[in-house]
Structures are given as structure tokens and as C-alpha cells.
PDB file of N, CA and C in Angstrom:
ATOM      1  N   MET A   1     -16.034 -16.791 -56.508  1.00  0.00           N
ATOM      2  CA  MET A   1     -14.819 -16.503 -57.258  1.00  0.00           C
ATOM      3  C   MET A   1     -14.280 -15.148 -56.878  1.00  0.00           C
ATOM      4  N   LYS A   2     -12.989 -15.231 -56.707  1.00  0.00           N
ATOM      5  CA  LYS A   2     -12.172 -14.060 -56.286  1.00  0.00           C
ATOM      6  C   LYS A   2     -11.237 -13.335 -57.508  1.00  0.00           C
ATOM      7  N   VAL A   3     -11.369 -12.252 -57.761  1.00  0.00           N
ATOM      8  CA  VAL A   3     -10.564 -11.862 -58.846  1.00  0.00           C
ATOM      9  C   VAL A   3      -9.872 -10.614 -58.189  1.00  0.00           C
ATOM     10  N   GLU A   4      -8.459 -10.667 -58.355  1.00  0.00           N
ATOM     11  CA  GLU A   4      -7.718  -9.825 -57.749  1.00  0.00           C
ATOM     12  C   GLU A   4      -6.330  -9.312 -58.546  1.00  0.00           C
ATOM     13  N   LEU A   5      -6.091  -8.057 -58.352  1.00  0.00           N
ATOM     14  CA  LEU A   5      -4.810  -7.515 -58.823  1.00  0.00           C
ATOM     15  C   LEU A   5      -4.116  -6.607 -57.830  1.00  0.00           C
ATOM     16  N   SER A   6      -2.884  -6.875 -57.405  1.00  0.00           N
ATOM     17  CA  SER A   6      -2.244  -6.375 -56.283  1.00  0.00           C
ATOM     18  C   SER A   6      -0.804  -6.070 -56.569  1.00  0.00           C
ATOM     19  N   ARG A   7      -0.222  -5.047 -56.010  1.00  0.00           N
ATOM     20  CA  ARG A   7       1.092  -4.502 -56.463  1.00  0.00           C
ATOM     21  C   ARG A   7       1.884  -4.509 -55.045  1.00  0.00           C
ATOM     22  N   PHE A   8       3.159  -5.035 -55.291  1.00  0.00           N
ATOM     23  CA  PHE A   8       4.016  -5.309 -54.256  1.00  0.00           C
ATOM     24  C   PHE A   8       5.390  -4.712 -54.616  1.00  0.00           C
ATOM     25  N   LYS A   9       6.083  -4.016 -53.822  1.00  0.00           N
ATOM     26  CA  LYS A   9       7.412  -3.289 -53.766  1.00  0.00           C
ATOM     27  C   LYS A   9       8.496  -4.365 -53.796  1.00  0.00           C
ATOM     28  N   VAL A  10       9.334  -4.340 -54.664  1.00  0.00           N
ATOM     29  CA  VAL A  10      10.531  -5.143 -54.544  1.00  0.00           C
ATOM     30  C   VAL A  10      11.703  -4.414 -53.630  1.00  0.00           C
ATOM     31  N   LYS A  11      12.291  -5.242 -52.906  1.00  0.00           N
ATOM     32  CA  LYS A  11      13.491  -4.626 -52.062  1.00  0.00           C
ATOM     33  C   LYS A  11      14.433  -4.078 -52.996  1.00  0.00           C
ATOM     34  N   GLU A  12      15.135  -2.953 -52.548  1.00  0.00           N
ATOM     35  CA  GLU A  12      16.033  -2.364 -53.301  1.00  0.00           C
ATOM     36  C   GLU A  12      17.210  -3.544 -53.375  1.00  0.00           C
ATOM     37  N   GLY A  13      17.765  -3.466 -54.705  1.00  0.00           N
ATOM     38  CA  GLY A  13      19.146  -4.482 -54.770  1.00  0.00           C
ATOM     39  C   GLY A  13      18.581  -5.907 -55.149  1.00  0.00           C
ATOM     40  N   LYS A  14      17.298  -6.088 -55.141  1.00  0.00           N
ATOM     41  CA  LYS A  14      16.885  -7.512 -55.450  1.00  0.00           C
ATOM     42  C   LYS A  14      16.291  -7.807 -56.733  1.00  0.00           C
ATOM     43  N   SER A  15      16.606  -7.058 -57.854  1.00  0.00           N
ATOM     44  CA  SER A  15      16.072  -7.049 -59.181  1.00  0.00           C
ATOM     45  C   SER A  15      16.751  -8.525 -59.709  1.00  0.00           C
ATOM     46  N   GLN A  16      18.047  -8.820 -59.559  1.00  0.00           N
ATOM     47  CA  GLN A  16      18.736  -9.884 -60.075  1.00  0.00           C
ATOM     48  C   GLN A  16      17.904 -11.154 -59.299  1.00  0.00           C
ATOM     49  N   ARG A  17      17.702 -11.178 -58.231  1.00  0.00           N
ATOM     50  CA  ARG A  17      17.100 -12.281 -57.496  1.00  0.00           C
ATOM     51  C   ARG A  17      15.610 -12.572 -57.974  1.00  0.00           C
ATOM     52  N   VAL A  18      15.022 -11.318 -58.485  1.00  0.00           N
ATOM     53  CA  VAL A  18      13.684 -11.403 -59.030  1.00  0.00           C
ATOM     54  C   VAL A  18      13.661 -12.098 -60.228  1.00  0.00           C
ATOM     55  N   ASP A  19      14.662 -12.007 -61.098  1.00  0.00           N
ATOM     56  CA  ASP A  19      15.086 -12.637 -62.358  1.00  0.00           C
ATOM     57  C   ASP A  19      15.067 -13.932 -61.955  1.00  0.00           C
ATOM     58  N   GLU A  20      15.952 -14.348 -61.197  1.00  0.00           N
ATOM     59  CA  GLU A  20      16.083 -15.591 -60.765  1.00  0.00           C
ATOM     60  C   GLU A  20      14.748 -16.336 -60.336  1.00  0.00           C
ATOM     61  N   TRP A  21      13.882 -15.693 -59.498  1.00  0.00           N
ATOM     62  CA  TRP A  21      12.552 -16.049 -59.093  1.00  0.00           C
ATOM     63  C   TRP A  21      11.655 -16.488 -60.244  1.00  0.00           C
ATOM     64  N   MET A  22      11.595 -15.420 -61.069  1.00  0.00           N
ATOM     65  CA  MET A  22      10.606 -15.567 -62.341  1.00  0.00           C
ATOM     66  C   MET A  22      11.262 -16.656 -63.083  1.00  0.00           C
ATOM     67  N   ALA A  23      12.517 -16.915 -63.369  1.00  0.00           N
ATOM     68  CA  ALA A  23      13.048 -17.932 -64.054  1.00  0.00           C
ATOM     69  C   ALA A  23      12.766 -19.387 -63.512  1.00  0.00           C
ATOM     70  N   MET A  24      12.786 -19.508 -62.289  1.00  0.00           N
ATOM     71  CA  MET A  24      12.372 -20.618 -61.432  1.00  0.00           C
ATOM     72  C   MET A  24      10.910 -21.011 -61.800  1.00  0.00           C
ATOM     73  N   LEU A  25      10.205 -20.178 -61.716  1.00  0.00           N
ATOM     74  CA  LEU A  25       8.814 -20.419 -61.757  1.00  0.00           C
ATOM     75  C   LEU A  25       8.478 -20.745 -63.338  1.00  0.00           C
ATOM     76  N   ASN A  26       9.162 -20.059 -64.169  1.00  0.00           N
ATOM     77  CA  ASN A  26       8.913 -20.506 -65.544  1.00  0.00           C
ATOM     78  C   ASN A  26       9.270 -21.743 -65.990  1.00  0.00           C
ATOM     79  N   GLU A  27      10.659 -22.253 -65.216  1.00  0.00           N
ATOM     80  CA  GLU A  27      11.196 -23.507 -65.652  1.00  0.00           C
ATOM     81  C   GLU A  27      10.595 -24.567 -64.897  1.00  0.00           C
ATOM     82  N   HIS A  28       9.851 -24.502 -64.073  1.00  0.00           N
ATOM     83  CA  HIS A  28       9.003 -25.421 -63.087  1.00  0.00           C
ATOM     84  C   HIS A  28       7.568 -25.341 -63.357  1.00  0.00           C
ATOM     85  N   MET A  29       7.264 -24.860 -64.463  1.00  0.00           N
ATOM     86  CA  MET A  29       5.695 -24.580 -64.775  1.00  0.00           C
ATOM     87  C   MET A  29       4.923 -25.830 -64.514  1.00  0.00           C
ATOM     88  N   ASP A  30       5.451 -26.999 -64.760  1.00  0.00           N
ATOM     89  CA  ASP A  30       4.635 -28.166 -64.510  1.00  0.00           C
ATOM     90  C   ASP A  30       4.262 -28.336 -63.114  1.00  0.00           C
ATOM     91  N   HIS A  31       5.270 -28.088 -62.372  1.00  0.00           N
ATOM     92  CA  HIS A  31       4.920 -28.337 -60.735  1.00  0.00           C
ATOM     93  C   HIS A  31       4.140 -27.245 -60.428  1.00  0.00           C
ATOM     94  N   VAL A  32       4.272 -25.963 -60.839  1.00  0.00           N
ATOM     95  CA  VAL A  32       3.546 -24.727 -60.529  1.00  0.00           C
ATOM     96  C   VAL A  32       2.145 -24.904 -60.741  1.00  0.00           C
ATOM     97  N   LEU A  33       1.792 -25.416 -61.875  1.00  0.00           N
ATOM     98  CA  LEU A  33       0.399 -25.810 -62.381  1.00  0.00           C
ATOM     99  C   LEU A  33      -0.369 -26.672 -61.277  1.00  0.00           C
ATOM    100  N   LEU A  34       0.496 -27.705 -60.814  1.00  0.00           N
ATOM    101  CA  LEU A  34      -0.163 -28.609 -59.893  1.00  0.00           C
ATOM    102  C   LEU A  34      -0.566 -28.013 -58.616  1.00  0.00           C
ATOM    103  N   THR A  35       0.433 -27.057 -58.062  1.00  0.00           N
ATOM    104  CA  THR A  35       0.076 -26.334 -56.844  1.00  0.00           C
ATOM    105  C   THR A  35      -1.274 -25.471 -57.165  1.00  0.00           C
ATOM    106  N   LEU A  36      -1.643 -24.904 -58.206  1.00  0.00           N
ATOM    107  CA  LEU A  36      -2.878 -24.188 -58.339  1.00  0.00           C
ATOM    108  C   LEU A  36      -4.053 -24.953 -57.990  1.00  0.00           C
ATOM    109  N   GLN A  37      -3.910 -26.118 -58.311  1.00  0.00           N
ATOM    110  CA  GLN A  37      -5.201 -26.916 -58.089  1.00  0.00           C
ATOM    111  C   GLN A  37      -5.583 -26.907 -56.528  1.00  0.00           C
ATOM    112  N   ASP A  38      -4.645 -27.124 -55.652  1.00  0.00           N
ATOM    113  CA  ASP A  38      -4.853 -26.966 -54.418  1.00  0.00           C
ATOM    114  C   ASP A  38      -5.489 -25.577 -53.750  1.00  0.00           C
ATOM    115  N   GLU A  39      -4.827 -24.563 -54.469  1.00  0.00           N
ATOM    116  CA  GLU A  39      -5.203 -23.368 -54.136  1.00  0.00           C
ATOM    117  C   GLU A  39      -6.641 -22.832 -54.977  1.00  0.00           C
ATOM    118  N   LYS A  40      -7.182 -23.643 -55.747  1.00  0.00           N
ATOM    119  CA  LYS A  40      -8.469 -23.223 -56.655  1.00  0.00           C
ATOM    120  C   LYS A  40      -8.133 -22.061 -57.257  1.00  0.00           C
ATOM    121  N   MET A  41      -6.763 -21.964 -57.777  1.00  0.00           N
ATOM    122  CA  MET A  41      -6.524 -20.933 -58.467  1.00  0.00           C
ATOM    123  C   MET A  41      -6.667 -21.077 -60.028  1.00  0.00           C
ATOM    124  N   TYR A  42      -7.497 -20.422 -60.715  1.00  0.00           N
ATOM    125  CA  TYR A  42      -7.641 -20.716 -62.054  1.00  0.00           C
ATOM    126  C   TYR A  42      -6.814 -19.921 -62.902  1.00  0.00           C
ATOM    127  N   VAL A  43      -6.533 -18.669 -62.610  1.00  0.00           N
ATOM    128  CA  VAL A  43      -5.291 -17.901 -63.441  1.00  0.00           C
ATOM    129  C   VAL A  43      -4.778 -17.281 -62.349  1.00  0.00           C
ATOM    130  N   GLU A  44      -3.379 -17.202 -62.623  1.00  0.00           N
ATOM    131  CA  GLU A  44      -2.438 -16.390 -61.737  1.00  0.00           C
ATOM    132  C   GLU A  44      -1.323 -16.086 -62.737  1.00  0.00           C
ATOM    133  N   THR A  45      -1.110 -14.569 -62.833  1.00  0.00           N
ATOM    134  CA  THR A  45      -0.191 -13.936 -63.489  1.00  0.00           C
ATOM    135  C   THR A  45       0.546 -12.990 -62.741  1.00  0.00           C
ATOM    136  N   ILE A  46       1.884 -12.875 -63.117  1.00  0.00           N
ATOM    137  CA  ILE A  46       2.744 -11.939 -62.464  1.00  0.00           C
ATOM    138  C   ILE A  46       3.476 -10.847 -63.354  1.00  0.00           C
ATOM    139  N   PHE A  47       3.257  -9.627 -63.051  1.00  0.00           N
ATOM    140  CA  PHE A  47       3.569  -8.725 -63.900  1.00  0.00           C
ATOM    141  C   PHE A  47       4.909  -7.768 -63.183  1.00  0.00           C
ATOM    142  N   ARG A  48       5.608  -7.144 -64.019  1.00  0.00           N
ATOM    143  CA  ARG A  48       6.821  -6.731 -63.340  1.00  0.00           C
ATOM    144  C   ARG A  48       6.876  -5.108 -63.990  1.00  0.00           C
ATOM    145  N   GLU A  49       7.168  -4.214 -63.013  1.00  0.00           N
ATOM    146  CA  GLU A  49       7.311  -2.884 -63.530  1.00  0.00           C
ATOM    147  C   GLU A  49       8.428  -2.308 -62.817  1.00  0.00           C
ATOM    148  N   LYS A  50       9.257  -1.458 -63.719  1.00  0.00           N
ATOM    149  CA  LYS A  50      10.311  -0.759 -63.113  1.00  0.00           C
ATOM    150  C   LYS A  50      10.228   0.862 -63.279  1.00  0.00           C
ATOM    151  N   ARG A  51      10.224   1.473 -62.147  1.00  0.00           N
ATOM    152  CA  ARG A  51       9.812   2.958 -62.209  1.00  0.00           C
ATOM    153  C   ARG A  51      10.861   3.737 -61.574  1.00  0.00           C
ATOM    154  N   GLU A  52      10.727   5.045 -61.661  1.00  0.00           N
ATOM    155  CA  GLU A  52      11.964   5.886 -60.981  1.00  0.00           C
ATOM    156  C   GLU A  52      11.745   5.463 -59.575  1.00  0.00           C
ATOM    157  N   ASP A  53      10.768   5.236 -58.902  1.00  0.00           N
ATOM    158  CA  ASP A  53      10.687   5.096 -57.310  1.00  0.00           C
ATOM    159  C   ASP A  53      10.852   3.571 -56.991  1.00  0.00           C
ATOM    160  N   GLY A  54      11.212   2.854 -57.961  1.00  0.00           N
ATOM    161  CA  GLY A  54      11.743   1.336 -57.643  1.00  0.00           C
ATOM    162  C   GLY A  54      10.835   0.347 -58.451  1.00  0.00           C
ATOM    163  N   GLU A  55      11.071  -0.866 -58.090  1.00  0.00           N
ATOM    164  CA  GLU A  55      10.525  -2.068 -58.872  1.00  0.00           C
ATOM    165  C   GLU A  55       9.485  -2.652 -58.254  1.00  0.00           C
ATOM    166  N   TYR A  56       8.418  -3.163 -58.993  1.00  0.00           N
ATOM    167  CA  TYR A  56       7.035  -3.515 -58.509  1.00  0.00           C
ATOM    168  C   TYR A  56       6.679  -4.922 -59.186  1.00  0.00           C
ATOM    169  N   LEU A  57       6.311  -5.846 -58.515  1.00  0.00           N
ATOM    170  CA  LEU A  57       5.551  -6.730 -58.994  1.00  0.00           C
ATOM    171  C   LEU A  57       4.011  -6.930 -58.776  1.00  0.00           C
ATOM    172  N   TYR A  58       3.320  -7.230 -60.049  1.00  0.00           N
ATOM    173  CA  TYR A  58       2.059  -7.187 -59.771  1.00  0.00           C
ATOM    174  C   TYR A  58       1.426  -8.659 -59.963  1.00  0.00           C
ATOM    175  N   TRP A  59       0.323  -9.113 -59.010  1.00  0.00           N
ATOM    176  CA  TRP A  59      -0.171 -10.493 -59.125  1.00  0.00           C
ATOM    177  C   TRP A  59      -1.705 -10.101 -59.528  1.00  0.00           C
ATOM    178  N   TYR A  60      -2.022 -10.870 -60.646  1.00  0.00           N
ATOM    179  CA  TYR A  60      -3.299 -10.980 -61.127  1.00  0.00           C
ATOM    180  C   TYR A  60      -4.049 -12.337 -60.965  1.00  0.00           C
ATOM    181  N   SER A  61      -4.870 -12.572 -60.364  1.00  0.00           N
ATOM    182  CA  SER A  61      -5.528 -13.824 -60.148  1.00  0.00           C
ATOM    183  C   SER A  61      -6.934 -13.808 -60.109  1.00  0.00           C
ATOM    184  N   VAL A  62      -7.455 -15.338 -60.466  1.00  0.00           N
ATOM    185  CA  VAL A  62      -8.864 -15.461 -60.443  1.00  0.00           C
ATOM    186  C   VAL A  62      -8.819 -16.839 -59.795  1.00  0.00           C
ATOM    187  N   GLN A  63      -9.548 -16.920 -58.635  1.00  0.00           N
ATOM    188  CA  GLN A  63      -9.661 -17.981 -57.741  1.00  0.00           C
ATOM    189  C   GLN A  63     -10.799 -18.460 -57.125  1.00  0.00           C
ATOM    190  N   GLY A  64     -11.107 -19.662 -57.250  1.00  0.00           N
ATOM    191  CA  GLY A  64     -12.250 -20.231 -56.634  1.00  0.00           C
ATOM    192  C   GLY A  64     -12.317 -20.170 -55.117  1.00  0.00           C
ATOM    193  N   GLU A  65     -13.320 -20.411 -54.434  1.00  0.00           N
ATOM    194  CA  GLU A  65     -13.726 -20.269 -52.984  1.00  0.00           C
ATOM    195  C   GLU A  65     -13.095 -21.621 -52.550  1.00  0.00           C
ATOM    196  N   GLY A  66     -12.532 -21.645 -51.299  1.00  0.00           N
ATOM    197  CA  GLY A  66     -12.164 -22.782 -50.456  1.00  0.00           C
ATOM    198  C   GLY A  66     -10.680 -23.284 -50.751  1.00  0.00           C
ATOM    199  N   GLY A  67      -9.970 -22.705 -51.609  1.00  0.00           N
ATOM    200  CA  GLY A  67      -8.701 -23.192 -51.803  1.00  0.00           C
ATOM    201  C   GLY A  67      -7.810 -22.959 -50.643  1.00  0.00           C
ATOM    202  N   ILE A  68      -6.564 -23.590 -50.445  1.00  0.00           N
ATOM    203  CA  ILE A  68      -5.553 -23.445 -49.600  1.00  0.00           C
ATOM    204  C   ILE A  68      -4.856 -22.288 -49.789  1.00  0.00           C
ATOM    205  N   GLN A  69      -4.227 -21.504 -48.882  1.00  0.00           N
ATOM    206  CA  GLN A  69      -3.224 -20.517 -49.019  1.00  0.00           C
ATOM    207  C   GLN A  69      -1.879 -21.056 -49.420  1.00  0.00           C
ATOM    208  N   VAL A  70      -1.083 -20.361 -50.181  1.00  0.00           N
ATOM    209  CA  VAL A  70       0.106 -20.835 -50.544  1.00  0.00           C
ATOM    210  C   VAL A  70       1.112 -21.201 -49.370  1.00  0.00           C
ATOM    211  N   GLU A  71       0.960 -20.479 -48.351  1.00  0.00           N
ATOM    212  CA  GLU A  71       1.793 -20.739 -47.146  1.00  0.00           C
ATOM    213  C   GLU A  71       1.319 -22.028 -46.546  1.00  0.00           C
ATOM    214  N   GLN A  72       0.266 -22.683 -46.815  1.00  0.00           N
ATOM    215  CA  GLN A  72      -0.243 -24.206 -46.408  1.00  0.00           C
ATOM    216  C   GLN A  72       0.201 -25.317 -47.227  1.00  0.00           C
ATOM    217  N   SER A  73       0.992 -24.953 -48.364  1.00  0.00           N
ATOM    218  CA  SER A  73       1.468 -25.783 -49.285  1.00  0.00           C
ATOM    219  C   SER A  73       2.461 -26.629 -48.997  1.00  0.00           C
ATOM    220  N   SER A  74       2.355 -27.973 -49.312  1.00  0.00           N
ATOM    221  CA  SER A  74       3.648 -28.813 -49.007  1.00  0.00           C
ATOM    222  C   SER A  74       4.398 -29.116 -50.246  1.00  0.00           C
ATOM    223  N   HIS A  75       4.081 -28.478 -51.435  1.00  0.00           N
ATOM    224  CA  HIS A  75       4.863 -28.597 -52.673  1.00  0.00           C
ATOM    225  C   HIS A  75       6.110 -27.920 -52.517  1.00  0.00           C
ATOM    226  N   GLU A  76       7.090 -28.450 -53.025  1.00  0.00           N
ATOM    227  CA  GLU A  76       8.486 -27.934 -52.979  1.00  0.00           C
ATOM    228  C   GLU A  76       8.554 -26.583 -53.628  1.00  0.00           C
ATOM    229  N   VAL A  77       7.870 -26.456 -54.850  1.00  0.00           N
ATOM    230  CA  VAL A  77       8.055 -25.271 -55.705  1.00  0.00           C
ATOM    231  C   VAL A  77       7.266 -24.145 -54.913  1.00  0.00           C
ATOM    232  N   ASP A  78       6.324 -24.438 -54.035  1.00  0.00           N
ATOM    233  CA  ASP A  78       5.669 -23.472 -53.361  1.00  0.00           C
ATOM    234  C   ASP A  78       6.638 -22.868 -52.273  1.00  0.00           C
ATOM    235  N   GLN A  79       7.425 -23.719 -51.588  1.00  0.00           N
ATOM    236  CA  GLN A  79       8.396 -23.470 -50.582  1.00  0.00           C
ATOM    237  C   GLN A  79       9.682 -22.477 -51.214  1.00  0.00           C
ATOM    238  N   LYS A  80       9.934 -22.848 -52.354  1.00  0.00           N
ATOM    239  CA  LYS A  80      11.071 -22.021 -53.002  1.00  0.00           C
ATOM    240  C   LYS A  80      10.336 -20.593 -53.432  1.00  0.00           C
ATOM    241  N   HIS A  81       9.026 -20.586 -53.945  1.00  0.00           N
ATOM    242  CA  HIS A  81       8.364 -19.557 -54.283  1.00  0.00           C
ATOM    243  C   HIS A  81       8.359 -18.444 -52.986  1.00  0.00           C
ATOM    244  N   LEU A  82       7.931 -18.935 -51.857  1.00  0.00           N
ATOM    245  CA  LEU A  82       7.895 -18.284 -50.556  1.00  0.00           C
ATOM    246  C   LEU A  82       9.276 -17.715 -50.173  1.00  0.00           C
ATOM    247  N   ALA A  83      10.143 -18.558 -50.331  1.00  0.00           N
ATOM    248  CA  ALA A  83      11.537 -18.202 -49.839  1.00  0.00           C
ATOM    249  C   ALA A  83      12.087 -16.954 -50.808  1.00  0.00           C
ATOM    250  N   PHE A  84      11.649 -16.954 -52.157  1.00  0.00           N
ATOM    251  CA  PHE A  84      11.953 -15.769 -52.913  1.00  0.00           C
ATOM    252  C   PHE A  84      11.070 -14.579 -52.389  1.00  0.00           C
ATOM    253  N   TRP A  85      10.141 -14.947 -52.144  1.00  0.00           N
ATOM    254  CA  TRP A  85       8.872 -13.857 -51.660  1.00  0.00           C
ATOM    255  C   TRP A  85       9.711 -12.957 -50.417  1.00  0.00           C
ATOM    256  N   TYR A  86       9.965 -13.889 -49.458  1.00  0.00           N
ATOM    257  CA  TYR A  86      10.566 -13.195 -48.267  1.00  0.00           C
ATOM    258  C   TYR A  86      11.877 -12.622 -48.468  1.00  0.00           C
ATOM    259  N   GLU A  87      12.577 -13.004 -49.426  1.00  0.00           N
ATOM    260  CA  GLU A  87      13.901 -12.328 -49.635  1.00  0.00           C
ATOM    261  C   GLU A  87      13.591 -10.946 -50.469  1.00  0.00           C
ATOM    262  N   CYS A  88      12.676 -11.009 -51.598  1.00  0.00           N
ATOM    263  CA  CYS A  88      12.507  -9.983 -52.521  1.00  0.00           C
ATOM    264  C   CYS A  88      11.573  -9.141 -52.298  1.00  0.00           C
ATOM    265  N   ILE A  89      10.376  -9.131 -51.555  1.00  0.00           N
ATOM    266  CA  ILE A  89       9.232  -8.314 -51.505  1.00  0.00           C
ATOM    267  C   ILE A  89       9.500  -7.673 -50.226  1.00  0.00           C
ATOM    268  N   ASP A  90       9.318  -6.312 -50.371  1.00  0.00           N
ATOM    269  CA  ASP A  90       9.752  -5.344 -49.078  1.00  0.00           C
ATOM    270  C   ASP A  90       8.253  -5.135 -48.582  1.00  0.00           C
ATOM    271  N   GLU A  91       8.272  -5.897 -47.351  1.00  0.00           N
ATOM    272  CA  GLU A  91       6.983  -6.094 -46.701  1.00  0.00           C
ATOM    273  C   GLU A  91       6.672  -4.786 -45.932  1.00  0.00           C
ATOM    274  N   ASP A  92       7.747  -3.867 -45.666  1.00  0.00           N
ATOM    275  CA  ASP A  92       7.546  -2.790 -45.169  1.00  0.00           C
ATOM    276  C   ASP A  92       6.610  -1.532 -45.792  1.00  0.00           C
ATOM    277  N   VAL A  93       6.580  -1.783 -47.115  1.00  0.00           N
ATOM    278  CA  VAL A  93       5.882  -1.020 -47.920  1.00  0.00           C
ATOM    279  C   VAL A  93       4.563  -1.741 -48.204  1.00  0.00           C
ATOM    280  N   PRO A  94       3.506  -1.098 -47.651  1.00  0.00           N
ATOM    281  CA  PRO A  94       1.997  -1.879 -47.856  1.00  0.00           C
ATOM    282  C   PRO A  94       1.978  -2.127 -49.253  1.00  0.00           C
ATOM    283  N   HIS A  95       1.262  -3.330 -49.517  1.00  0.00           N
ATOM    284  CA  HIS A  95       0.912  -3.804 -50.918  1.00  0.00           C
ATOM    285  C   HIS A  95      -0.291  -2.980 -51.163  1.00  0.00           C
ATOM    286  N   VAL A  96      -0.826  -2.845 -52.547  1.00  0.00           N
ATOM    287  CA  VAL A  96      -1.779  -2.113 -53.019  1.00  0.00           C
ATOM    288  C   VAL A  96      -2.858  -2.921 -53.754  1.00  0.00           C
ATOM    289  N   ASP A  97      -4.108  -3.099 -53.256  1.00  0.00           N
ATOM    290  CA  ASP A  97      -4.824  -4.054 -53.820  1.00  0.00           C
ATOM    291  C   ASP A  97      -5.748  -3.110 -54.896  1.00  0.00           C
ATOM    292  N   MET A  98      -5.811  -3.334 -55.997  1.00  0.00           N
ATOM    293  CA  MET A  98      -6.480  -2.629 -56.990  1.00  0.00           C
ATOM    294  C   MET A  98      -8.069  -2.806 -56.770  1.00  0.00           C
ATOM    295  N   GLU A  99      -8.929  -2.032 -57.135  1.00  0.00           N
ATOM    296  CA  GLU A  99     -10.241  -2.053 -56.997  1.00  0.00           C
ATOM    297  C   GLU A  99     -11.021  -2.563 -58.283  1.00  0.00           C
ATOM    298  N   THR A 100     -11.605  -3.899 -58.177  1.00  0.00           N
ATOM    299  CA  THR A 100     -11.989  -4.577 -59.299  1.00  0.00           C
ATOM    300  C   THR A 100     -13.356  -3.816 -59.699  1.00  0.00           C
ATOM    301  N   GLN A 101     -13.334  -3.554 -61.083  1.00  0.00           N
ATOM    302  CA  GLN A 101     -14.467  -2.802 -61.628  1.00  0.00           C
ATOM    303  C   GLN A 101     -15.548  -3.718 -62.573  1.00  0.00           C
ATOM    304  N   VAL A 102     -14.804  -4.466 -63.295  1.00  0.00           N
ATOM    305  CA  VAL A 102     -15.665  -5.214 -64.208  1.00  0.00           C
ATOM    306  C   VAL A 102     -15.012  -6.408 -64.358  1.00  0.00           C
ATOM    307  N   VAL A 103     -15.603  -7.677 -64.320  1.00  0.00           N
ATOM    308  CA  VAL A 103     -14.966  -8.908 -64.693  1.00  0.00           C
ATOM    309  C   VAL A 103     -15.856  -9.445 -65.787  1.00  0.00           C
ATOM    310  N   MET A 104     -14.857  -9.829 -66.795  1.00  0.00           N
ATOM    311  CA  MET A 104     -15.496 -10.209 -68.111  1.00  0.00           C
ATOM    312  C   MET A 104     -15.052 -11.629 -68.423  1.00  0.00           C
ATOM    313  N   ILE A 105     -15.797 -12.584 -67.770  1.00  0.00           N
ATOM    314  CA  ILE A 105     -15.531 -14.014 -67.995  1.00  0.00           C
ATOM    315  C   ILE A 105     -16.994 -14.532 -68.597  1.00  0.00           C
ATOM    316  N   PRO A 106     -16.904 -15.252 -69.668  1.00  0.00           N
ATOM    317  CA  PRO A 106     -18.253 -15.829 -70.221  1.00  0.00           C
ATOM    318  C   PRO A 106     -18.653 -16.633 -69.220  1.00  0.00           C
ATOM    319  N   GLU A 107     -20.059 -16.868 -69.259  1.00  0.00           N
ATOM    320  CA  GLU A 107     -20.701 -17.630 -68.259  1.00  0.00           C
ATOM    321  C   GLU A 107     -20.507 -19.286 -68.360  1.00  0.00           C
ATOM    322  N   HIS A 108     -20.153 -19.641 -69.539  1.00  0.00           N
ATOM    323  CA  HIS A 108     -19.744 -20.999 -69.647  1.00  0.00           C
ATOM    324  C   HIS A 108     -18.411 -21.297 -69.031  1.00  0.00           C
ATOM    325  N   ILE A 109     -17.680 -20.379 -69.193  1.00  0.00           N
ATOM    326  CA  ILE A 109     -16.299 -20.569 -68.450  1.00  0.00           C
ATOM    327  C   ILE A 109     -16.326 -20.286 -66.929  1.00  0.00           C
ATOM    328  N   ARG A 110     -17.142 -19.236 -66.501  1.00  0.00           N
ATOM    329  CA  ARG A 110     -17.389 -18.917 -65.119  1.00  0.00           C
ATOM    330  C   ARG A 110     -17.990 -20.344 -64.555  1.00  0.00           C
ATOM    331  N   ALA A 111     -18.679 -20.987 -65.062  1.00  0.00           N
ATOM    332  CA  ALA A 111     -19.615 -22.296 -64.597  1.00  0.00           C
ATOM    333  C   ALA A 111     -18.548 -23.172 -64.164  1.00  0.00           C
ATOM    334  N   VAL A 112     -17.532 -23.447 -65.053  1.00  0.00           N
ATOM    335  CA  VAL A 112     -16.421 -24.415 -64.852  1.00  0.00           C
ATOM    336  C   VAL A 112     -15.585 -24.048 -63.540  1.00  0.00           C
ATOM    337  N   MET A 113     -15.326 -22.680 -63.483  1.00  0.00           N
ATOM    338  CA  MET A 113     -14.458 -22.266 -62.465  1.00  0.00           C
ATOM    339  C   MET A 113     -15.030 -22.333 -60.850  1.00  0.00           C
ATOM    340  N   GLU A 114     -16.319 -22.458 -60.914  1.00  0.00           N
ATOM    341  CA  GLU A 114     -16.881 -22.446 -59.567  1.00  0.00           C
ATOM    342  C   GLU A 114     -17.132 -23.737 -58.984  1.00  0.00           C
TER     343      GLU A 114
END
């Protein structure tokens, strides 16, 4: 099982598009949840932060082993998600992976996730 928290910088001037991106994901949650099965993604949460030095999106996820990457997905909602990603995420700024210190998942839940 992989538990991750990563921060990505939003391109300047893309805040409104990020609003649309998050709305799209929320509006199509039934389709989004279907795609998570293929990725063996048990939990995926997106957080947003606006700071003096710009805007950031944070991805928190709990994923099982052997799932497909979102780039390999044939689901339409994933294709839209990736299009927003490429438009809005500033890949010239390295993303930051936070270091996991403690994972608190009860054993009976962890057993279902593996």
C-alpha cells in the first residue's frame, strides 16, 4: 500500500480553470469513482492552497499495489482530468512529495485495501 501527499504549483492565471476542473470532478463523481478501481486507488483527495507565492494543489492518496496509472486510463473523465492537469499545473516547478511519518489505518480496514 502506498500513502502519498504531494504539492503541485498551479500556473499563473489558471485559477478560474482550476475552479472548472474541480467542479468537473465533483459533478462527475460517479464516473471518477469508477476510474479509481482500475488504479487501485482507495482514497484520493485534492486540497487547494492560495499563498503569496501562488496557488497550489495537494494530492493525498492511499493506493494499493498494481493499479494502472491515470495516463493509461481509457475513461473519458480521466482524459478530461489530464487535459486540465496539462493546462493548469506548472510542470516547470518541481512538485513536492511530503515524507510519510505515520499511517493510521486500522488493521481490519487495511486488510480490505490490500
